[in-house]
Protein backbone atom coordinates (compact mmCIF):
# COMPACT_ATOMS: atom_id res chain seq x y z
CA MET A 1 -32.83 2.13 -48.48
CA TYR A 2 -31.77 1.22 -44.87
CA ALA A 3 -30.92 3.39 -41.88
CA CYS A 4 -28.78 2.13 -38.79
CA ILE A 5 -29.10 4.29 -35.57
CA ASP A 6 -26.52 3.54 -32.97
CA LEU A 7 -27.47 5.21 -29.56
CA GLY A 8 -24.25 5.08 -27.50
CA SER A 9 -23.44 6.46 -24.13
CA ASN A 10 -21.34 9.14 -25.63
CA SER A 11 -22.38 9.64 -29.35
CA PHE A 12 -25.47 8.85 -31.57
CA HIS A 13 -24.69 7.76 -35.05
CA LEU A 14 -26.72 7.51 -38.06
CA LEU A 15 -25.88 5.36 -41.25
CA ILE A 16 -28.10 5.32 -44.09
CA ALA A 17 -27.30 2.95 -47.05
CA ARG A 18 -28.88 1.67 -50.33
CA TRP A 19 -28.75 -1.86 -51.39
CA ASN A 20 -28.59 -1.90 -55.18
CA ARG A 21 -27.72 -4.96 -57.29
CA ASP A 22 -25.97 -6.91 -54.48
CA GLU A 23 -23.93 -3.78 -53.48
CA ILE A 24 -23.99 -1.54 -50.51
CA GLN A 25 -23.98 2.08 -51.36
CA LEU A 26 -23.40 4.58 -48.33
CA VAL A 27 -25.72 7.42 -48.66
CA GLU A 28 -25.28 9.36 -45.25
CA ARG A 29 -23.29 9.22 -42.23
CA CYS A 30 -23.81 11.37 -38.99
CA SER A 31 -22.46 11.42 -35.64
CA VAL A 32 -23.27 13.71 -32.85
CA LYS A 33 -21.51 13.84 -29.43
CA VAL A 34 -24.73 13.53 -26.98
CA GLN A 35 -23.26 12.11 -23.87
CA LEU A 36 -26.45 10.63 -22.87
CA GLY A 37 -24.56 8.58 -20.25
CA GLU A 38 -23.17 11.59 -18.40
CA GLY A 39 -23.59 11.31 -14.64
CA VAL A 40 -25.76 8.03 -15.03
CA GLN A 41 -23.19 6.06 -12.96
CA SER A 42 -23.64 8.22 -9.80
CA SER A 43 -27.40 9.30 -10.37
CA GLY A 44 -28.81 6.24 -11.89
CA LYS A 45 -30.74 8.38 -14.42
CA ILE A 46 -30.21 10.32 -17.77
CA SER A 47 -30.03 14.00 -16.77
CA PRO A 48 -32.63 16.46 -18.08
CA GLN A 49 -29.89 18.01 -20.17
CA ALA A 50 -28.64 14.83 -21.65
CA PHE A 51 -32.20 13.66 -22.16
CA GLU A 52 -33.01 16.76 -24.41
CA ARG A 53 -29.81 16.56 -26.28
CA GLY A 54 -30.72 13.02 -27.24
CA LEU A 55 -34.10 13.83 -28.36
CA GLU A 56 -33.00 16.66 -30.42
CA THR A 57 -30.51 14.62 -32.04
CA LEU A 58 -32.99 11.89 -32.82
CA ARG A 59 -35.32 14.49 -34.45
CA HIS A 60 -32.56 15.50 -36.63
CA PHE A 61 -32.05 11.81 -37.52
CA GLN A 62 -35.64 11.34 -38.12
CA THR A 63 -35.50 14.41 -40.67
CA LEU A 64 -32.60 12.75 -42.58
CA ILE A 65 -34.43 9.45 -42.83
CA LYS A 66 -37.39 10.99 -44.32
CA GLN A 67 -35.33 13.09 -46.65
CA HIS A 68 -33.70 9.94 -47.90
CA SER A 69 -37.10 7.81 -48.07
CA VAL A 70 -35.66 5.28 -45.93
CA GLN A 71 -37.98 2.08 -46.01
CA ARG A 72 -36.27 0.07 -43.11
CA TYR A 73 -34.39 1.62 -39.92
CA TRP A 74 -32.90 -0.05 -36.85
CA ALA A 75 -32.38 2.06 -33.74
CA LEU A 76 -30.52 0.28 -30.94
CA GLY A 77 -30.01 1.65 -27.43
CA THR A 78 -26.67 0.40 -25.71
CA ASN A 79 -25.33 0.83 -22.13
CA THR A 80 -26.92 3.71 -20.86
CA PHE A 81 -30.15 2.36 -21.90
CA ARG A 82 -29.47 -0.86 -20.04
CA ILE A 83 -28.70 0.97 -16.72
CA ALA A 84 -30.60 4.24 -16.53
CA GLY A 85 -33.60 4.15 -14.54
CA ASN A 86 -35.58 6.58 -16.82
CA ALA A 87 -34.53 4.90 -20.21
CA SER A 88 -38.05 3.72 -20.77
CA THR A 89 -39.30 7.42 -20.55
CA PHE A 90 -36.77 8.37 -23.21
CA VAL A 91 -37.81 5.34 -25.40
CA ASP A 92 -41.43 6.48 -25.10
CA ALA A 93 -40.52 10.13 -25.79
CA ALA A 94 -38.68 9.05 -28.97
CA VAL A 95 -41.61 6.80 -30.13
CA SER A 96 -43.89 10.10 -29.93
CA PHE A 97 -42.19 11.47 -32.92
CA GLY A 98 -41.68 8.31 -34.93
CA ILE A 99 -38.27 6.58 -33.65
CA GLU A 100 -38.77 3.19 -32.14
CA ILE A 101 -35.70 2.18 -30.06
CA SER A 102 -34.69 -1.48 -29.11
CA ILE A 103 -32.49 -1.91 -26.18
CA ILE A 104 -29.88 -4.73 -26.58
CA SER A 105 -27.70 -6.59 -24.07
CA GLY A 106 -23.93 -6.05 -23.89
CA VAL A 107 -23.62 -9.47 -25.65
CA GLN A 108 -25.78 -8.54 -28.62
CA GLU A 109 -23.86 -5.46 -28.83
CA ALA A 110 -20.78 -7.27 -28.92
CA VAL A 111 -22.03 -9.69 -31.81
CA LEU A 112 -22.90 -6.51 -34.04
CA ILE A 113 -19.53 -4.96 -33.24
CA TYR A 114 -17.61 -8.05 -34.26
CA ALA A 115 -19.63 -8.47 -37.35
CA GLY A 116 -19.04 -4.83 -38.28
CA VAL A 117 -15.23 -4.82 -37.80
CA ILE A 118 -14.61 -8.16 -39.60
CA SER A 119 -16.92 -7.07 -42.50
CA ALA A 120 -14.01 -4.64 -43.54
CA LEU A 121 -11.24 -7.17 -43.14
CA GLU A 122 -9.56 -9.59 -45.34
CA ASP A 123 -10.77 -13.19 -44.07
CA THR A 124 -7.49 -14.97 -42.54
CA ASP A 125 -6.90 -17.75 -40.42
CA ASP A 126 -5.61 -15.78 -37.64
CA LYS A 127 -7.52 -15.32 -34.21
CA ARG A 128 -8.48 -11.71 -33.69
CA LEU A 129 -9.15 -9.76 -30.70
CA VAL A 130 -11.77 -7.07 -31.33
CA ILE A 131 -12.29 -4.11 -28.92
CA ASP A 132 -14.76 -1.41 -28.68
CA ILE A 133 -14.47 1.24 -25.73
CA GLY A 134 -17.75 3.12 -25.64
CA GLY A 135 -18.99 5.76 -23.30
CA GLY A 136 -20.37 3.35 -20.56
CA SER A 137 -19.16 -0.09 -21.50
CA THR A 138 -16.48 -2.05 -23.45
CA GLU A 139 -17.16 -4.78 -25.60
CA LEU A 140 -14.38 -7.50 -26.10
CA ILE A 141 -14.51 -10.37 -28.58
CA VAL A 142 -11.99 -12.96 -29.57
CA GLY A 143 -13.01 -14.51 -32.69
CA HIS A 144 -11.96 -16.87 -35.41
CA HIS A 145 -13.33 -16.07 -38.99
CA GLN A 146 -17.08 -15.63 -38.31
CA GLN A 147 -17.05 -17.62 -35.09
CA ARG A 148 -16.90 -15.76 -31.82
CA LEU A 149 -14.65 -17.70 -29.19
CA ILE A 150 -14.89 -15.39 -26.37
CA THR A 151 -17.70 -12.57 -25.90
CA HIS A 152 -17.69 -9.98 -22.97
CA SER A 153 -19.27 -6.64 -22.20
CA LEU A 154 -17.50 -4.90 -19.25
CA PRO A 155 -18.86 -2.02 -17.33
CA ILE A 156 -16.18 0.38 -18.17
CA GLY A 157 -16.10 3.29 -20.62
CA CYS A 158 -14.70 6.72 -21.33
CA VAL A 159 -17.61 8.72 -20.00
CA SER A 160 -18.25 6.66 -16.98
CA TRP A 161 -14.43 6.75 -16.17
CA ARG A 162 -14.29 10.38 -16.67
CA ASP A 163 -17.12 10.92 -14.18
CA LYS A 164 -15.67 8.56 -11.65
CA TYR A 165 -11.95 9.48 -11.73
CA PHE A 166 -11.61 13.06 -13.44
CA SER A 167 -14.65 15.00 -12.34
CA GLN A 168 -12.69 16.56 -9.24
CA ALA A 169 -9.32 16.94 -10.84
CA GLY A 170 -9.88 20.20 -12.69
CA THR A 171 -6.89 21.58 -14.68
CA ASP A 172 -4.27 20.93 -11.90
CA ALA A 173 -1.45 18.83 -13.58
CA ARG A 174 -0.75 16.90 -10.36
CA ALA A 175 -4.27 16.10 -9.75
CA LEU A 176 -4.70 15.07 -13.42
CA SER A 177 -1.58 12.77 -13.07
CA ASP A 178 -2.91 11.20 -9.88
CA ALA A 179 -6.40 10.61 -11.44
CA MET A 180 -4.59 8.94 -14.46
CA ASP A 181 -2.79 6.57 -12.11
CA LYS A 182 -5.92 5.55 -10.20
CA ALA A 183 -8.09 5.30 -13.56
CA THR A 184 -5.37 3.16 -15.23
CA THR A 185 -5.10 0.91 -12.46
CA ALA A 186 -8.79 0.32 -11.99
CA ALA A 187 -9.13 -0.30 -15.86
CA ALA A 188 -6.39 -2.85 -15.79
CA ALA A 189 -8.18 -4.58 -12.74
CA VAL A 190 -11.53 -4.69 -14.80
CA PHE A 191 -9.77 -6.19 -17.82
CA ASN A 192 -7.68 -8.65 -15.65
CA LYS A 193 -10.77 -10.41 -14.78
CA VAL A 194 -11.19 -11.71 -18.16
CA ALA A 195 -7.50 -11.81 -19.25
CA PRO A 196 -6.85 -15.50 -18.45
CA ALA A 197 -9.59 -16.42 -20.82
CA VAL A 198 -8.32 -14.10 -23.57
CA ASN A 199 -4.77 -14.72 -23.22
CA ARG A 200 -4.88 -18.46 -23.72
CA TYR A 201 -5.34 -17.80 -27.26
CA ASP A 202 -2.62 -17.27 -29.75
CA LEU A 203 -3.92 -13.87 -31.27
CA GLY A 204 -2.97 -12.41 -34.50
CA HIS A 205 -3.96 -8.86 -35.02
CA SER A 206 -6.00 -6.80 -32.43
CA TYR A 207 -8.57 -4.15 -33.54
CA ALA A 208 -10.36 -1.38 -31.85
CA SER A 209 -13.25 0.43 -32.99
CA SER A 210 -15.21 3.69 -31.92
CA GLY A 211 -14.10 7.27 -30.70
CA THR A 212 -11.49 6.48 -28.14
CA ALA A 213 -9.33 4.12 -30.36
CA LYS A 214 -9.69 6.71 -33.25
CA MET A 215 -8.70 9.71 -31.09
CA LEU A 216 -5.63 7.97 -29.56
CA THR A 217 -4.38 6.61 -32.90
CA ALA A 218 -4.66 10.14 -34.42
CA ILE A 219 -2.52 11.53 -31.49
CA CYS A 220 0.02 8.88 -31.79
CA HIS A 221 0.34 9.54 -35.52
CA GLU A 222 0.65 13.23 -35.20
CA HIS A 223 3.49 12.54 -32.81
CA GLY A 224 5.31 10.10 -34.99
CA VAL A 225 5.01 7.11 -32.44
CA GLY A 226 3.14 3.69 -32.94
CA ASP A 227 3.86 3.51 -36.63
CA GLY A 228 0.02 4.09 -37.49
CA GLU A 229 -1.10 1.79 -34.74
CA LEU A 230 -1.70 1.91 -30.92
CA THR A 231 0.94 0.56 -28.82
CA LEU A 232 1.45 0.47 -24.92
CA ASP A 233 4.80 2.04 -25.41
CA ALA A 234 3.40 4.98 -27.39
CA LEU A 235 0.44 5.63 -24.86
CA GLU A 236 3.05 5.69 -21.94
CA ARG A 237 5.33 8.00 -23.86
CA LEU A 238 2.65 10.42 -24.63
CA ARG A 239 0.92 10.31 -21.33
CA GLY A 240 2.69 13.47 -19.92
CA LEU A 241 2.11 15.39 -23.07
CA MET A 242 -1.54 14.58 -22.79
CA VAL A 243 -1.84 15.59 -19.00
CA ASP A 244 -0.01 18.81 -19.82
CA ALA A 245 -2.20 19.72 -22.74
CA ILE A 246 -5.39 19.31 -20.69
CA SER A 247 -3.87 21.00 -17.73
CA SER A 248 -2.62 24.02 -19.80
CA GLY A 249 -5.55 24.21 -22.27
CA GLU A 250 -3.33 24.03 -25.11
CA GLU A 251 -3.96 22.18 -28.29
CA LEU A 252 -2.82 18.65 -28.72
CA PRO A 253 -2.03 17.56 -32.37
CA GLY A 254 -4.39 14.91 -33.36
CA LEU A 255 -6.92 15.71 -30.68
CA LYS A 256 -10.31 17.06 -31.78
CA PRO A 257 -11.77 19.88 -29.29
CA LYS A 258 -15.00 17.92 -28.73
CA ARG A 259 -13.19 14.97 -27.34
CA ARG A 260 -10.78 16.88 -24.85
CA ASP A 261 -12.74 15.88 -21.92
CA LEU A 262 -12.48 12.42 -22.88
CA LEU A 263 -8.89 12.24 -23.64
CA LEU A 264 -7.25 11.30 -20.31
CA PRO A 265 -10.19 8.89 -19.37
CA GLY A 266 -10.20 7.15 -22.75
CA CYS A 267 -6.27 6.88 -22.48
CA ALA A 268 -6.61 5.29 -19.02
CA VAL A 269 -9.02 2.71 -20.25
CA MET A 270 -6.93 1.73 -23.30
CA THR A 271 -3.66 1.64 -21.30
CA GLY A 272 -5.24 -0.53 -18.67
CA LEU A 273 -6.59 -2.83 -21.41
CA MET A 274 -3.21 -3.07 -22.95
CA ARG A 275 -1.60 -3.81 -19.71
CA ALA A 276 -3.92 -6.68 -19.05
CA PHE A 277 -3.70 -8.22 -22.51
CA PRO A 278 -0.53 -9.10 -24.62
CA CYS A 279 -1.37 -6.79 -27.41
CA GLN A 280 1.76 -5.75 -29.23
CA SER A 281 -0.30 -3.19 -31.22
CA ILE A 282 -3.94 -2.31 -31.91
CA VAL A 283 -5.20 -1.32 -35.17
CA PHE A 284 -8.10 1.12 -35.41
CA SER A 285 -11.15 -0.04 -37.13
CA SER A 286 -13.46 2.55 -38.68
CA SER A 287 -16.17 -0.08 -39.00
CA ALA A 288 -18.01 -0.79 -35.82
CA LEU A 289 -21.68 -1.28 -34.40
CA ARG A 290 -23.63 0.49 -37.07
CA GLU A 291 -21.73 -1.42 -39.82
CA GLY A 292 -22.54 -4.51 -38.20
CA MET A 293 -26.26 -3.56 -37.93
CA LEU A 294 -26.27 -2.82 -41.62
CA ASP A 295 -24.56 -6.21 -42.35
CA PHE A 296 -27.26 -7.86 -40.48
CA MET A 297 -30.03 -6.04 -41.98
CA ILE A 298 -28.76 -6.67 -45.61
CA SER A 299 -28.04 -10.21 -44.89
CA ASN A 300 -31.35 -10.95 -43.34
CA ARG A 301 -33.40 -8.19 -45.33
CA LYS A 302 -36.23 -10.92 -45.94
CA THR A 303 -36.55 -11.47 -42.34
CA VAL A 304 -38.05 -9.01 -39.70
CA GLN A 305 -36.94 -10.50 -36.85
CA ALA A 306 -33.89 -12.52 -35.46
CA GLN A 307 -34.52 -15.77 -33.52
CA ASP A 308 -31.25 -16.69 -32.07
CA SER A 309 -30.51 -14.44 -29.05
CA ASP A 310 -26.96 -15.65 -28.78
CA ASN A 311 -25.78 -15.12 -32.31
CA LEU A 312 -28.24 -12.59 -33.43
CA PRO A 313 -30.13 -9.69 -31.68
CA ASP A 314 -33.60 -10.58 -30.98
CA VAL A 315 -35.22 -7.41 -32.07
CA SER A 316 -37.47 -6.17 -34.76
CA TYR A 317 -36.67 -3.81 -37.59
CA ALA A 318 -39.06 -0.77 -37.85
CA GLY A 319 -40.44 0.87 -40.80
CA SER A 320 -40.02 4.54 -41.51
């Protein structure tokens, strides 16, 4: 029995699976909105409130791990753990009740995201763009089959963009619209830095994993735009509705209440990305980092440590 713990800047995820006769059987899946990265961009530290939310979630994960008699688990800390000054204190606190966390680089994170996304896709000869907009960073990979041609981890995410551009807007529609303009322009500027390298490839399909892509795809679907995929035209057309919904407090079909605070910053980041890259459409991928972790653990189940820091994360698995 294996467990993968993905400690993102917005959400913590747990995936438990059984390896049985050359087949992976999913046993438990759990996601909790922790927002560990809340305010980290300005303060440089995980706040006391976020710190406790994170530890409480890990205690819950530890209970589930024990219930399922997990033999091997892998807990990875991503962007917030890379930049927060008190991340080591959080890691030490988690160790005290039995969870060992390995902090991975943005490139290592991208490696696992790409592995997770393509594990659920049919193998074709197309070059693919894989995107993961997280709470504090965005991983971007151009790949061909198992090979990564471009790998980037960029300092932009839905939580950091919310804190930077929307914290003072309140519910005033004009202020929210102005914040959207600034946030989208700033996002496009970030992605434009790597756009020349990405745009020189003749890309087939583009895929986006994690919560922002899932949220925006659901909203587009509920409003009958995008034909089941994300398109720049659909996001531009729905922008006014999104701003009005946040301003008025009214429900927006396709939007879950727990993601309301991340709707506009997430849309700004995705819109900026699609303006920078020639993506006609982006398909949401339900497979992401944790599926890549599981794929790596299963593929290397006889090896306790990866050796190649470029192609495989140089971290150890921990026993439960």
